[in-house]
Amino acid sequence: MKTSCNFCGNKLTPSQINESIKPETLKFLVEGKRLELSVRTYNDAFYEVVSGQHKGNLVHRFDMVHQ
């Protein structure tokens, strides 16, 4: 992941770094229900929900439903 501008070399803010990560749609168990959520990687253990009712929440990778 890049943390500086390609043109001027200035450091990117955390929001600019998050915007560069493309969201993906994955299935999770949330409160016992299967939901398809649009998420982006937050760190090694969590995804951040980027849209819908649960926007802004973190979902643990262990809650992902594998097909």
N, C-alpha and C. Protein backbone atom coordinates (compact mmCIF):
# COMPACT_ATOMS: atom_id res chain seq x y z
N MET A 1 0.84 -1.17 0.00
CA MET A 1 0.00 0.00 0.00
C MET A 1 0.89 1.23 0.00
N LYS A 2 0.61 2.16 -0.87
CA LYS A 2 1.42 3.38 -0.92
C LYS A 2 0.98 4.35 0.17
N THR A 3 1.93 5.06 0.75
CA THR A 3 1.62 6.01 1.82
C THR A 3 2.09 7.41 1.49
N SER A 4 2.53 7.63 0.25
CA SER A 4 2.93 8.98 -0.16
C SER A 4 2.50 9.22 -1.60
N CYS A 5 2.38 10.49 -1.95
CA CYS A 5 1.96 10.90 -3.29
C CYS A 5 3.05 10.57 -4.31
N ASN A 6 2.63 10.04 -5.46
CA ASN A 6 3.60 9.71 -6.51
C ASN A 6 4.26 10.95 -7.12
N PHE A 7 3.56 12.09 -7.08
CA PHE A 7 4.05 13.29 -7.75
C PHE A 7 4.89 14.20 -6.86
N CYS A 8 4.39 14.46 -5.62
CA CYS A 8 5.10 15.43 -4.78
C CYS A 8 5.81 14.79 -3.59
N GLY A 9 5.50 13.53 -3.25
CA GLY A 9 6.15 12.86 -2.14
C GLY A 9 5.53 13.11 -0.78
N ASN A 10 4.47 13.96 -0.71
CA ASN A 10 3.82 14.22 0.57
C ASN A 10 3.15 12.96 1.09
N LYS A 11 3.10 12.83 2.41
CA LYS A 11 2.44 11.69 3.04
C LYS A 11 0.93 11.80 2.84
N LEU A 12 0.28 10.65 2.59
CA LEU A 12 -1.17 10.62 2.43
C LEU A 12 -1.84 10.54 3.80
N THR A 13 -3.02 11.14 3.92
CA THR A 13 -3.78 11.06 5.16
C THR A 13 -4.45 9.68 5.24
N PRO A 14 -4.86 9.24 6.44
CA PRO A 14 -5.54 7.93 6.55
C PRO A 14 -6.76 7.80 5.66
N SER A 15 -7.54 8.89 5.48
CA SER A 15 -8.72 8.80 4.62
C SER A 15 -8.33 8.62 3.15
N GLN A 16 -7.24 9.25 2.73
CA GLN A 16 -6.77 9.07 1.36
C GLN A 16 -6.27 7.65 1.13
N ILE A 17 -5.62 7.08 2.13
CA ILE A 17 -5.15 5.70 2.02
C ILE A 17 -6.34 4.76 1.91
N ASN A 18 -7.40 4.95 2.74
CA ASN A 18 -8.59 4.11 2.69
C ASN A 18 -9.30 4.21 1.35
N GLU A 19 -9.32 5.39 0.74
CA GLU A 19 -9.97 5.56 -0.56
C GLU A 19 -9.27 4.77 -1.65
N SER A 20 -7.99 4.49 -1.48
CA SER A 20 -7.25 3.77 -2.51
C SER A 20 -7.48 2.26 -2.44
N ILE A 21 -8.07 1.75 -1.34
CA ILE A 21 -8.36 0.32 -1.20
C ILE A 21 -9.75 0.06 -1.77
N LYS A 22 -9.83 -0.81 -2.76
CA LYS A 22 -11.10 -1.10 -3.42
C LYS A 22 -11.98 -1.98 -2.53
N PRO A 23 -13.28 -1.61 -2.34
CA PRO A 23 -14.17 -2.47 -1.57
C PRO A 23 -14.54 -3.73 -2.34
N GLU A 24 -14.87 -4.79 -1.61
CA GLU A 24 -15.33 -6.03 -2.22
C GLU A 24 -16.55 -6.52 -1.46
N THR A 25 -17.38 -7.32 -2.10
CA THR A 25 -18.58 -7.85 -1.47
C THR A 25 -18.30 -9.28 -0.99
N LEU A 26 -18.47 -9.49 0.32
CA LEU A 26 -18.23 -10.79 0.94
C LEU A 26 -19.42 -11.15 1.83
N LYS A 27 -19.56 -12.44 2.13
CA LYS A 27 -20.66 -12.90 2.99
C LYS A 27 -20.12 -13.12 4.40
N PHE A 28 -20.90 -12.63 5.40
CA PHE A 28 -20.54 -12.74 6.81
C PHE A 28 -21.73 -13.19 7.63
N LEU A 29 -21.44 -13.76 8.80
CA LEU A 29 -22.46 -14.02 9.81
C LEU A 29 -22.47 -12.83 10.75
N VAL A 30 -23.58 -12.08 10.77
CA VAL A 30 -23.72 -10.93 11.64
C VAL A 30 -24.94 -11.17 12.52
N GLU A 31 -24.71 -11.29 13.82
CA GLU A 31 -25.77 -11.56 14.80
C GLU A 31 -26.59 -12.77 14.39
N GLY A 32 -25.93 -13.82 13.90
CA GLY A 32 -26.58 -15.06 13.53
C GLY A 32 -27.24 -15.07 12.16
N LYS A 33 -27.13 -13.97 11.40
CA LYS A 33 -27.74 -13.88 10.07
C LYS A 33 -26.64 -13.79 9.02
N ARG A 34 -26.88 -14.42 7.86
CA ARG A 34 -25.94 -14.31 6.74
C ARG A 34 -26.23 -13.02 5.99
N LEU A 35 -25.20 -12.20 5.85
CA LEU A 35 -25.35 -10.94 5.13
C LEU A 35 -24.22 -10.79 4.11
N GLU A 36 -24.56 -10.21 2.96
CA GLU A 36 -23.54 -9.81 1.99
C GLU A 36 -23.21 -8.36 2.29
N LEU A 37 -21.96 -8.10 2.59
CA LEU A 37 -21.54 -6.76 2.96
C LEU A 37 -20.44 -6.27 2.02
N SER A 38 -20.48 -4.99 1.73
CA SER A 38 -19.42 -4.35 0.96
C SER A 38 -18.37 -3.89 1.95
N VAL A 39 -17.18 -4.48 1.87
CA VAL A 39 -16.13 -4.23 2.87
C VAL A 39 -14.80 -3.92 2.20
N ARG A 40 -13.90 -3.34 3.00
CA ARG A 40 -12.51 -3.17 2.59
C ARG A 40 -11.63 -3.61 3.75
N THR A 41 -10.45 -4.05 3.43
CA THR A 41 -9.52 -4.52 4.45
C THR A 41 -9.17 -3.39 5.41
N TYR A 42 -9.29 -3.65 6.70
CA TYR A 42 -8.96 -2.66 7.73
C TYR A 42 -7.58 -2.95 8.32
N ASN A 43 -7.36 -4.20 8.71
CA ASN A 43 -6.04 -4.66 9.17
C ASN A 43 -6.00 -6.17 9.03
N ASP A 44 -5.07 -6.84 9.71
CA ASP A 44 -4.92 -8.28 9.56
C ASP A 44 -6.10 -9.07 10.12
N ALA A 45 -6.89 -8.50 11.03
CA ALA A 45 -7.95 -9.24 11.69
C ALA A 45 -9.36 -8.80 11.28
N PHE A 46 -9.51 -7.60 10.73
CA PHE A 46 -10.85 -7.05 10.49
C PHE A 46 -11.04 -6.50 9.08
N TYR A 47 -12.32 -6.47 8.68
CA TYR A 47 -12.77 -5.73 7.51
C TYR A 47 -13.61 -4.57 8.01
N GLU A 48 -13.61 -3.45 7.29
CA GLU A 48 -14.48 -2.32 7.60
C GLU A 48 -15.64 -2.31 6.60
N VAL A 49 -16.88 -2.23 7.12
CA VAL A 49 -18.06 -2.18 6.26
C VAL A 49 -18.16 -0.77 5.69
N VAL A 50 -18.31 -0.66 4.36
CA VAL A 50 -18.27 0.66 3.71
C VAL A 50 -19.61 1.17 3.24
N SER A 51 -20.67 0.34 3.34
CA SER A 51 -22.00 0.82 2.93
C SER A 51 -23.07 0.01 3.63
N GLY A 52 -24.29 0.53 3.61
CA GLY A 52 -25.43 -0.19 4.18
C GLY A 52 -25.64 0.13 5.65
N GLN A 53 -26.48 -0.70 6.27
CA GLN A 53 -26.90 -0.50 7.66
C GLN A 53 -25.73 -0.56 8.63
N HIS A 54 -24.74 -1.37 8.36
CA HIS A 54 -23.61 -1.57 9.27
C HIS A 54 -22.38 -0.75 8.88
N LYS A 55 -22.56 0.30 8.07
CA LYS A 55 -21.44 1.12 7.59
C LYS A 55 -20.62 1.65 8.76
N GLY A 56 -19.29 1.53 8.63
CA GLY A 56 -18.38 2.03 9.65
C GLY A 56 -18.01 1.00 10.69
N ASN A 57 -18.76 -0.11 10.77
CA ASN A 57 -18.46 -1.16 11.74
C ASN A 57 -17.33 -2.03 11.23
N LEU A 58 -16.69 -2.72 12.16
CA LEU A 58 -15.65 -3.68 11.82
C LEU A 58 -16.21 -5.09 11.93
N VAL A 59 -15.84 -5.95 10.99
CA VAL A 59 -16.27 -7.34 11.00
C VAL A 59 -15.02 -8.20 11.04
N HIS A 60 -14.99 -9.14 11.98
CA HIS A 60 -13.83 -10.01 12.14
C HIS A 60 -13.74 -10.98 10.97
N ARG A 61 -12.55 -11.28 10.53
CA ARG A 61 -12.34 -12.21 9.43
C ARG A 61 -12.88 -13.60 9.72
N PHE A 62 -12.91 -14.00 11.00
CA PHE A 62 -13.44 -15.31 11.37
C PHE A 62 -14.95 -15.40 11.14
N ASP A 63 -15.65 -14.27 11.00
CA ASP A 63 -17.09 -14.28 10.75
C ASP A 63 -17.43 -14.42 9.28
N MET A 64 -16.43 -14.50 8.42
CA MET A 64 -16.67 -14.64 6.99
C MET A 64 -17.21 -16.05 6.70
N VAL A 65 -18.23 -16.11 5.83
CA VAL A 65 -18.82 -17.38 5.44
C VAL A 65 -18.17 -17.81 4.13
N HIS A 66 -17.59 -19.00 4.14
CA HIS A 66 -16.96 -19.53 2.94
C HIS A 66 -17.96 -20.40 2.19
N GLN A 67 -17.99 -20.28 0.89
CA GLN A 67 -18.96 -21.03 0.09
C GLN A 67 -18.45 -22.39 -0.25
